[in-house]
Each structure stands twice: as structure tokens, then as C-alpha cells.
Amino acid sequence: LFIFFIFQSINKIFKCLFIWIACLFLILTIFLSVAPCKDNEGLSQEDFIKISENGFGDPLNSYAWSMAWFKGRLYVGTGRDFICVGRWIRKLKGTIVDGPLQDAVECLENPLDFPENFRAEIWRYSNEGNWERVYKAPLVTITVYGKEYILPRDFGYRGMAVFKDSNGQESLFVSTYSPPGVANILQTTDGINFTETNPYVPGYPAIFKEITSFRSLITFKGKLYMSPTSSSGNGNISNVVRVFESENPATGIWHPVSRNRFGKPDNLTIFELAVFNNYLYAGTGNAKHGFQIWKTNAEGDKIPYHWILIIDKGAGRGPENEGAISMCGFKNYLYVGSGIQHGGRDFENNVRLSGAELIRIKPDDTWELVVGKRRVSSGNMIH
């Protein structure tokens, strides 16, 4: 009887254990069927490590405006006190029009009393985890709209690209945002010493005279490409809306390889350049109809090259997609991010406050909406 009692007790224990394991298995099955796998969740805050904050310790470093990997280190170009700089330049020209972001920023009454505040900087990150400032824009005497000022030569560094010339010399090139008439492209071969290349177009010595910034720099098929993004008094509107090409940018010689404004008078600037699927892409700013995306294979002896219009009218959204301000190729798609100048509401061109969108372009030139407003475009629902 005692042995039978023990057997029955053991039997009950095993039954309970079996039921408990079955319930646990059922719960795990339900949970795993509902919760997505970690691989499909995307990255979260825990996947990133903060390596810098507060503008490298200086809040006047408003933007980390450009970045490039060069000789084993990460280089970052800053934009200095950008809202106040832009306001000052527009005020000089009499075109000051503020948006919601500008209204929220308090600026000095006379920023020229403190030119040191506006000197753009270049920093680099070492493998040991340390930041080092390797360059600071010099103060120079500049004539702006007929008056002399002591100003930083550069307010910001808007673009960076690594380029190797025909002799195998690798350099880092940096495009500047500067007072009118002194915008430049800097070159360094060692990451410490930066020299001005003084861009020009043979036969057109004054073509960049009013330019205040060159933005995108990108290497493609052994040449360097860039576009002038802004001109006097207009932070994102240029009087020279073209893509330029150089076989040896250290010489400063550039040649236009697109028609001005791509033949469309309402294109105000070329915001961004990108390389994808063996083509060079250009994204415009257009306050009247919305951005356009163009592409070329940059081949042939005849310039300007043949460009193909891929996307028009802000991808079917119109002026609310005023500019194609970022482009990047990733996993068989070219991703394009939109934006509106002056902090998201362009009072000057009467473009209302609107959220940004993200689209992606396929190799066959079709595209789809990733983030943004659902709508019908060309008869098709855009999701």
C-alpha cells in the first residue's frame, strides 16, 4: 500500500509537471507569434552610443552639417549659430523673413560685435574615442554690399567628400557656407592643414561671385561633383542652379554639366546629389511646384550631359515637398527626404508649415512612399 501511494504521488507530480510545461510552451508560442523577431524590429536607442553632445561642448555649433570618413577617422563640419547668421545676412540685403524656428531664437542685436561666435569648425574623432578640433575658420576683412566688415571667412561647412586624383593622391574636400562672394571648397591631404581651392569656371570668372555656399560634394566615375546651393541673401536659393564637375578639384577648375535650373525656371536650387545604380542623381528645391529628381550616367564627350527627370511636383505633393534635402542609396533603393526651408514654413514663398516625407526610388525609376501622407499620384494610390 505504501509503495502504491508513492507511485500515485509520483504520477501526479509528473502530470502536473507535464501540464506546466505544456502551458509554458503554449504561452511562448502565442507570444512569439504576436511579437516580431528582433531582427525585424529595427534599431532602438539601446543600439546607439552617444559620442558627442552640446555642439562639442559649444552650443554655438548649431549643426553637425557634414561628415566624412578620411584616413581612418570621422570628420565633422559644423554650422555656427546658423539661425542668427542667416538672419543677419538677409537683414543686410533687406530680405529678412522669419519662420517659426527663427522666431524662437534670440539673436544679438549687432552680431558683428562678436565675429568670433560665427567661426565654423572641423572636428575629428579618433579610434581612442576622443574628439579633436582640427580647423577653425579665420577672421578676414570682407566687403559685403559695399561695406567692410571683419567676419569669419566661413560660417559653416555644408559638405565633405573624399576624392583620389589621377596620381593616387587622396584628399578630403569641404564645401563652405560663407559671406557673399567668398564661398569656397577647402582641401586637405593630411586632415589638419586645409587650403582654399578657389573654384572657378574657365571663361566665366564671375559665375560664383554672389554664391554664399556650395553644398553637396560627391565622387562619381573618377570625378568630383558639386552644386552652388545659395547666393546673396538667400540661404537656400541660388542664382546658379547647375551641377558642376571637376577632374582635378585641387586646381579649382570646374565645368557645368547640367542646364541652368534643368530648364525649369521654378527650380530655385539643387539641394542634394547622390550616386545610385551607376547614375548621378540631383534633387532640387522648388517652392512653386515641389521638388524634382533628375539623373544622368555622366557619360559622353558632350556637355551638359543628358539628364532624365525621374520625379516631378514634389512626388505628387506639390510645394509641401519643397526641397529634396537628403538622398542616400541603401539596399537597392535611393531614399529621398523632403523638407521646407526656414524651419519648416517658407513665408517668403508662401509655403505652409508641413511635415517631412521619405520616399524611395527603385532602379527602374518607379518610386514609393515610405513615410508621409497617403494620396493619389498619376492615377495610383501612394501608400
Protein backbone atom coordinates (compact mmCIF):
# COMPACT_ATOMS: atom_id res chain seq x y z
CA LEU A 1 0.00 0.00 0.00
CA PHE A 2 2.85 2.34 0.84
CA ILE A 3 4.55 1.63 -2.50
CA PHE A 4 1.25 2.23 -4.33
CA PHE A 5 0.85 5.57 -2.55
CA ILE A 6 4.37 6.66 -3.61
CA PHE A 7 3.67 5.61 -7.20
CA GLN A 8 0.43 7.61 -7.28
CA SER A 9 2.20 10.69 -5.84
CA ILE A 10 4.97 10.50 -8.42
CA ASN A 11 2.41 10.06 -11.15
CA LYS A 12 0.57 13.22 -10.04
CA ILE A 13 3.84 15.16 -9.92
CA PHE A 14 4.70 14.15 -13.48
CA LYS A 15 1.19 15.04 -14.66
CA CYS A 16 1.44 18.49 -13.05
CA LEU A 17 4.91 18.99 -14.48
CA PHE A 18 3.69 17.97 -17.94
CA ILE A 19 0.73 20.37 -17.74
CA TRP A 20 3.02 23.18 -16.55
CA ILE A 21 5.48 22.60 -19.42
CA ALA A 22 2.61 22.43 -21.94
CA CYS A 23 1.18 25.73 -20.67
CA LEU A 24 4.59 27.37 -20.81
CA PHE A 25 5.09 26.13 -24.38
CA LEU A 26 1.63 27.45 -25.35
CA ILE A 27 2.36 30.88 -23.85
CA LEU A 28 5.72 31.10 -25.63
CA THR A 29 4.10 30.05 -28.91
CA ILE A 30 1.44 32.76 -28.62
CA PHE A 31 3.99 35.40 -27.63
CA LEU A 32 6.36 34.58 -30.46
CA SER A 33 3.53 34.57 -32.99
CA VAL A 34 2.45 38.06 -31.90
CA ALA A 35 5.78 39.74 -31.14
CA PRO A 36 8.03 40.36 -34.17
CA CYS A 37 11.50 38.93 -34.24
CA LYS A 38 14.26 41.20 -33.02
CA ASP A 39 15.76 41.22 -36.49
CA ASN A 40 12.61 42.89 -37.84
CA GLU A 41 12.15 45.47 -35.10
CA GLY A 42 14.76 47.89 -36.37
CA LEU A 43 17.23 49.70 -34.18
CA SER A 44 16.36 51.31 -30.86
CA GLN A 45 18.09 53.77 -28.55
CA GLU A 46 19.99 50.93 -26.89
CA ASP A 47 21.70 50.13 -30.21
CA PHE A 48 23.43 53.53 -30.33
CA ILE A 49 26.19 55.13 -28.29
CA LYS A 50 26.36 58.90 -27.84
CA ILE A 51 29.87 60.08 -28.73
CA SER A 52 29.31 63.84 -28.60
CA GLU A 53 26.77 66.33 -27.25
CA ASN A 54 26.15 70.06 -26.85
CA GLY A 55 28.00 71.02 -30.03
CA PHE A 56 31.33 69.50 -28.94
CA GLY A 57 30.85 71.47 -25.74
CA ASP A 58 29.90 74.69 -27.56
CA PRO A 59 26.17 75.34 -28.15
CA LEU A 60 27.01 77.78 -30.95
CA ASN A 61 27.89 74.74 -33.05
CA SER A 62 24.27 74.60 -34.23
CA TYR A 63 24.60 71.86 -36.84
CA ALA A 64 26.76 68.83 -37.47
CA TRP A 65 26.43 69.87 -41.10
CA SER A 66 28.79 67.49 -42.90
CA MET A 67 30.63 64.24 -42.20
CA ALA A 68 33.16 62.02 -43.96
CA TRP A 69 35.47 59.11 -43.14
CA PHE A 70 39.03 60.05 -44.07
CA LYS A 71 42.31 58.28 -43.26
CA GLY A 72 40.74 56.14 -40.57
CA ARG A 73 38.92 58.94 -38.75
CA LEU A 74 35.50 60.57 -38.78
CA TYR A 75 35.48 64.28 -39.72
CA VAL A 76 32.57 66.58 -38.86
CA GLY A 77 31.99 70.13 -40.14
CA THR A 78 29.83 72.46 -38.06
CA GLY A 79 27.41 75.26 -38.83
CA ARG A 80 27.78 78.16 -36.39
CA ASP A 81 24.80 79.90 -34.79
CA PHE A 82 23.05 79.27 -38.06
CA ILE A 83 19.68 80.94 -37.46
CA CYS A 84 21.30 84.21 -36.37
CA VAL A 85 23.84 84.13 -39.21
CA GLY A 86 21.08 83.67 -41.78
CA ARG A 87 19.00 86.42 -40.22
CA TRP A 88 21.96 88.82 -40.30
CA ILE A 89 22.74 88.14 -43.97
CA ARG A 90 19.10 88.62 -45.00
CA LYS A 91 18.89 91.78 -42.91
CA LEU A 92 21.89 93.26 -44.74
CA LYS A 93 20.17 92.67 -48.04
CA GLY A 94 16.76 93.75 -46.76
CA THR A 95 15.13 90.37 -47.30
CA ILE A 96 14.64 89.29 -43.68
CA VAL A 97 11.65 86.94 -43.46
CA ASP A 98 11.49 84.77 -40.35
CA GLY A 99 9.68 81.49 -39.79
CA PRO A 100 8.63 79.67 -36.59
CA LEU A 101 12.14 78.40 -35.88
CA GLN A 102 13.72 81.83 -36.35
CA ASP A 103 11.10 83.45 -34.10
CA ALA A 104 12.06 81.09 -31.28
CA VAL A 105 15.77 82.00 -31.39
CA GLU A 106 17.09 85.12 -29.69
CA CYS A 107 19.95 86.76 -31.58
CA LEU A 108 22.36 89.56 -30.73
CA GLU A 109 21.24 93.00 -31.85
CA ASN A 110 24.55 93.51 -33.63
CA PRO A 111 26.31 90.19 -34.23
CA LEU A 112 29.21 91.95 -35.93
CA ASP A 113 30.42 92.96 -32.46
CA PHE A 114 31.22 89.28 -31.81
CA PRO A 115 32.53 87.78 -35.08
CA GLU A 116 34.35 85.08 -33.10
CA ASN A 117 30.97 83.46 -32.41
CA PHE A 118 30.46 82.60 -36.07
CA ARG A 119 33.75 80.87 -36.96
CA ALA A 120 32.95 77.45 -38.42
CA GLU A 121 34.87 74.42 -37.13
CA ILE A 122 36.01 70.99 -38.28
CA TRP A 123 36.39 68.20 -35.72
CA ARG A 124 37.63 64.65 -35.99
CA TYR A 125 37.01 61.52 -33.92
CA SER A 126 39.89 59.20 -33.12
CA ASN A 127 39.85 55.43 -32.66
CA GLU A 128 40.54 56.07 -28.97
CA GLY A 129 37.18 57.82 -28.63
CA ASN A 130 38.47 61.40 -28.40
CA TRP A 131 37.34 64.48 -30.32
CA GLU A 132 39.89 66.96 -31.65
CA ARG A 133 39.23 70.28 -33.35
CA VAL A 134 41.49 70.38 -36.39
CA TYR A 135 40.32 73.57 -38.09
CA LYS A 136 38.62 76.87 -37.31
CA ALA A 137 37.65 79.42 -39.95
CA PRO A 138 39.89 82.51 -39.95
CA LEU A 139 38.66 86.07 -39.45
CA VAL A 140 39.07 88.21 -42.56
CA THR A 141 38.14 91.69 -43.77
CA ILE A 142 35.32 91.33 -46.29
CA THR A 143 33.31 93.84 -48.31
CA VAL A 144 29.61 92.95 -48.16
CA TYR A 145 27.12 95.10 -50.09
CA GLY A 146 29.60 97.96 -50.29
CA LYS A 147 30.69 97.99 -46.62
CA GLU A 148 33.76 96.45 -44.97
CA TYR A 149 33.35 94.01 -42.09
CA ILE A 150 35.62 91.78 -40.03
CA LEU A 151 33.94 88.40 -40.36
CA PRO A 152 34.71 84.70 -40.32
CA ARG A 153 35.59 83.55 -43.81
CA ASP A 154 33.27 80.54 -43.22
CA PHE A 155 30.08 80.28 -41.16
CA GLY A 156 29.68 76.57 -41.79
CA TYR A 157 30.87 73.51 -43.70
CA ARG A 158 27.96 72.06 -45.68
CA GLY A 159 29.54 69.13 -47.49
CA MET A 160 32.50 66.73 -47.42
CA ALA A 161 33.83 64.16 -49.89
CA VAL A 162 36.96 62.07 -50.27
CA PHE A 163 38.47 62.19 -53.76
CA LYS A 164 41.51 60.44 -55.25
CA ASP A 165 43.19 62.20 -58.19
CA SER A 166 44.86 60.59 -61.22
CA ASN A 167 48.16 60.37 -59.33
CA GLY A 168 46.56 58.41 -56.50
CA GLN A 169 46.64 61.35 -54.05
CA GLU A 170 43.66 61.12 -51.71
CA SER A 171 42.18 64.35 -50.34
CA LEU A 172 39.25 65.45 -48.27
CA PHE A 173 37.29 68.31 -49.86
CA VAL A 174 34.99 70.52 -47.78
CA SER A 175 32.38 72.96 -49.11
CA THR A 176 31.73 76.19 -47.20
CA TYR A 177 28.85 78.46 -46.24
CA SER A 178 30.35 81.95 -46.22
CA PRO A 179 29.65 85.67 -46.62
CA PRO A 180 28.68 86.64 -50.18
CA GLY A 181 31.49 86.27 -52.69
CA VAL A 182 33.92 84.20 -50.60
CA ALA A 183 32.31 80.74 -50.61
CA ASN A 184 34.96 78.15 -51.27
CA ILE A 185 35.92 74.48 -51.35
CA LEU A 186 38.73 73.52 -48.98
CA GLN A 187 41.21 70.69 -49.48
CA THR A 188 43.33 68.70 -47.05
CA THR A 189 45.64 65.77 -47.67
CA ASP A 190 46.60 65.18 -44.04
CA GLY A 191 43.38 66.07 -42.19
CA ILE A 192 44.98 69.02 -40.39
CA ASN A 193 46.11 71.59 -42.95
CA PHE A 194 43.27 72.99 -45.09
CA THR A 195 43.79 75.17 -48.17
CA GLU A 196 41.35 77.10 -50.37
CA THR A 197 40.90 75.78 -53.91
CA ASN A 198 39.04 78.89 -55.17
CA PRO A 199 36.54 77.29 -57.59
CA TYR A 200 36.07 78.91 -60.98
CA VAL A 201 34.78 78.13 -64.45
CA PRO A 202 37.15 78.95 -67.33
CA GLY A 203 35.69 81.78 -69.39
CA TYR A 204 33.20 82.74 -66.67
CA PRO A 205 35.28 84.39 -63.92
CA ALA A 206 32.29 85.96 -62.11
CA ILE A 207 29.94 82.96 -62.15
CA PHE A 208 30.38 82.29 -58.40
CA LYS A 209 30.67 85.94 -57.35
CA GLU A 210 27.34 86.05 -55.47
CA ILE A 211 27.44 82.47 -54.19
CA THR A 212 27.31 82.03 -50.41
CA SER A 213 27.57 78.25 -50.25
CA PHE A 214 28.46 75.12 -52.09
CA ARG A 215 26.67 72.18 -50.52
CA SER A 216 26.78 68.66 -51.92
CA LEU A 217 30.12 67.14 -52.86
CA ILE A 218 30.17 63.64 -54.31
CA THR A 219 32.61 61.42 -56.17
CA PHE A 220 31.37 59.59 -59.28
CA LYS A 221 33.28 57.79 -62.04
CA GLY A 222 36.61 59.35 -61.11
CA LYS A 223 35.36 62.95 -60.92
CA LEU A 224 34.06 65.24 -58.19
CA TYR A 225 30.64 66.87 -58.50
CA MET A 226 29.10 69.82 -56.63
CA SER A 227 26.36 72.44 -56.83
CA PRO A 228 26.12 76.05 -55.56
CA THR A 229 23.19 75.96 -53.14
CA SER A 230 22.72 79.59 -52.15
CA SER A 231 23.54 83.12 -53.21
CA SER A 232 23.50 86.56 -51.56
CA GLY A 233 20.71 87.00 -49.03
CA ASN A 234 19.10 83.61 -49.73
CA GLY A 235 20.27 80.68 -47.63
CA ASN A 236 18.79 78.02 -49.92
CA ILE A 237 18.17 79.86 -53.19
CA SER A 238 20.90 80.11 -55.81
CA ASN A 239 21.37 82.26 -58.88
CA VAL A 240 23.44 79.43 -60.40
CA VAL A 241 21.32 76.26 -60.35
CA ARG A 242 23.65 73.79 -62.04
CA VAL A 243 25.71 70.69 -61.36
CA PHE A 244 29.46 71.17 -61.83
CA GLU A 245 32.17 68.60 -62.49
CA SER A 246 35.93 68.58 -61.90
CA GLU A 247 38.57 66.07 -62.92
CA ASN A 248 41.05 67.69 -60.54
CA PRO A 249 39.30 69.86 -57.93
CA ALA A 250 42.62 70.84 -56.33
CA THR A 251 43.15 73.15 -59.34
CA GLY A 252 39.84 74.91 -58.73
CA ILE A 253 38.68 74.25 -62.31
CA TRP A 254 35.02 73.24 -62.70
CA HIS A 255 32.72 72.76 -65.67
CA PRO A 256 28.88 72.90 -65.74
CA VAL A 257 27.35 69.57 -66.74
CA SER A 258 23.65 70.41 -66.48
CA ARG A 259 21.46 73.14 -67.93
CA ASN A 260 20.68 76.02 -65.58
CA ARG A 261 17.69 75.03 -63.42
CA PHE A 262 17.40 71.90 -65.61
CA GLY A 263 15.49 74.13 -67.99
CA LYS A 264 12.74 74.70 -65.40
CA PRO A 265 12.63 78.37 -64.24
CA ASP A 266 10.95 77.49 -60.93
CA ASN A 267 13.83 75.32 -59.67
CA LEU A 268 15.40 77.58 -57.03
CA THR A 269 18.41 75.44 -56.12
CA ILE A 270 19.97 71.99 -56.21
CA PHE A 271 19.84 70.78 -52.64
CA GLU A 272 21.42 67.35 -52.90
CA LEU A 273 23.48 64.99 -55.04
CA ALA A 274 23.69 61.20 -54.70
CA VAL A 275 25.06 58.16 -56.53
CA PHE A 276 22.81 55.13 -57.03
CA ASN A 277 22.66 52.26 -59.53
CA ASN A 278 25.54 53.72 -61.57
CA TYR A 279 23.79 57.09 -62.01
CA LEU A 280 24.33 60.54 -60.56
CA TYR A 281 21.13 61.97 -59.04
CA ALA A 282 20.27 65.61 -58.29
CA GLY A 283 17.40 66.83 -56.10
CA THR A 284 16.07 70.38 -56.49
CA GLY A 285 14.19 72.92 -54.39
CA ASN A 286 11.02 74.25 -56.00
CA ALA A 287 8.65 76.40 -53.94
CA LYS A 288 6.01 76.67 -56.66
CA HIS A 289 5.53 73.04 -57.73
CA GLY A 290 7.60 70.89 -55.34
CA PHE A 291 10.99 69.24 -55.76
CA GLN A 292 12.27 67.38 -58.80
CA ILE A 293 14.70 64.43 -59.02
CA TRP A 294 16.96 64.14 -62.07
CA LYS A 295 19.58 61.55 -63.04
CA THR A 296 22.43 61.12 -65.54
CA ASN A 297 25.06 58.48 -66.27
CA ALA A 298 27.56 61.35 -66.73
CA GLU A 299 28.99 59.82 -69.90
CA GLY A 300 29.82 61.19 -73.33
CA ASP A 301 32.04 63.98 -74.68
CA LYS A 302 29.22 66.49 -74.98
CA ILE A 303 28.29 68.64 -72.00
CA PRO A 304 25.90 69.36 -70.49
CA TYR A 305 25.15 65.67 -70.03
CA HIS A 306 21.78 64.14 -70.80
CA TRP A 307 19.60 64.28 -67.66
CA ILE A 308 16.35 62.35 -67.13
CA LEU A 309 13.51 63.67 -64.96
CA ILE A 310 12.52 60.91 -62.51
CA ILE A 311 10.19 62.67 -60.05
CA ASP A 312 8.25 65.91 -60.51
CA LYS A 313 5.93 68.13 -58.43
CA GLY A 314 7.23 67.04 -55.04
CA ALA A 315 6.33 63.39 -55.67
CA GLY A 316 2.70 64.35 -56.18
CA ARG A 317 2.50 66.52 -53.05
CA GLY A 318 3.40 69.88 -54.56
CA PRO A 319 5.07 72.73 -52.61
CA GLU A 320 4.64 70.91 -49.28
CA ASN A 321 7.58 68.85 -50.53
CA GLU A 322 9.53 71.99 -51.37
CA GLY A 323 13.03 70.54 -51.38
CA ALA A 324 14.76 67.17 -51.74
CA ILE A 325 17.15 67.87 -48.88
CA SER A 326 18.66 64.43 -48.34
CA MET A 327 19.38 61.41 -50.55
CA CYS A 328 21.08 58.10 -49.82
CA GLY A 329 21.30 54.76 -51.59
CA PHE A 330 20.53 51.73 -49.39
CA LYS A 331 19.70 48.12 -50.28
CA ASN A 332 18.57 48.57 -53.88
CA TYR A 333 16.71 51.82 -53.22
CA LEU A 334 17.57 55.52 -53.33
CA TYR A 335 15.94 57.16 -50.31
CA VAL A 336 14.89 60.81 -50.60
CA GLY A 337 13.89 63.02 -47.66
CA SER A 338 11.90 66.22 -48.17
CA GLY A 339 11.84 69.49 -46.25
CA ILE A 340 10.83 73.15 -46.27
CA GLN A 341 13.36 75.93 -45.79
CA HIS A 342 13.31 78.48 -42.94
CA GLY A 343 12.45 75.95 -40.26
CA GLY A 344 9.54 74.21 -41.95
CA ARG A 345 7.47 77.19 -43.12
CA ASP A 346 8.63 79.25 -46.07
CA PHE A 347 6.96 82.63 -45.54
CA GLU A 348 8.94 84.19 -48.36
CA ASN A 349 7.43 81.82 -50.92
CA ASN A 350 4.12 81.27 -49.12
CA VAL A 351 4.71 77.56 -48.44
CA ARG A 352 2.72 76.50 -45.40
CA LEU A 353 4.00 74.52 -42.42
CA SER A 354 4.09 70.83 -43.38
CA GLY A 355 5.75 67.64 -42.20
CA ALA A 356 8.63 65.98 -44.00
CA GLU A 357 8.27 62.88 -46.16
CA LEU A 358 10.51 59.97 -47.08
CA ILE A 359 10.24 58.20 -50.43
CA ARG A 360 12.41 55.60 -52.12
CA ILE A 361 13.26 55.18 -55.78
CA LYS A 362 13.79 51.80 -57.44
CA PRO A 363 16.39 51.08 -60.15
CA ASP A 364 13.60 51.12 -62.76
CA ASP A 365 12.78 54.76 -61.78
CA THR A 366 9.47 53.92 -60.10
CA TRP A 367 9.08 55.08 -56.52
CA GLU A 368 7.01 54.56 -53.41
CA LEU A 369 6.15 56.45 -50.24
CA VAL A 370 7.85 55.23 -47.06
CA VAL A 371 6.79 57.90 -44.56
CA GLY A 372 4.23 60.60 -45.30
CA LYS A 373 0.73 61.44 -46.48
CA ARG A 374 -1.24 58.89 -48.49
CA ARG A 375 -2.53 60.30 -51.77
CA VAL A 376 -3.26 59.59 -55.42
CA SER A 377 -0.46 60.41 -57.85
CA SER A 378 -0.62 59.75 -61.60
CA GLY A 379 -3.78 57.71 -61.04
CA ASN A 380 -2.15 55.41 -58.46
CA MET A 381 -2.65 55.36 -54.71
CA ILE A 382 0.61 56.23 -52.98
CA HIS A 383 0.84 54.40 -49.64
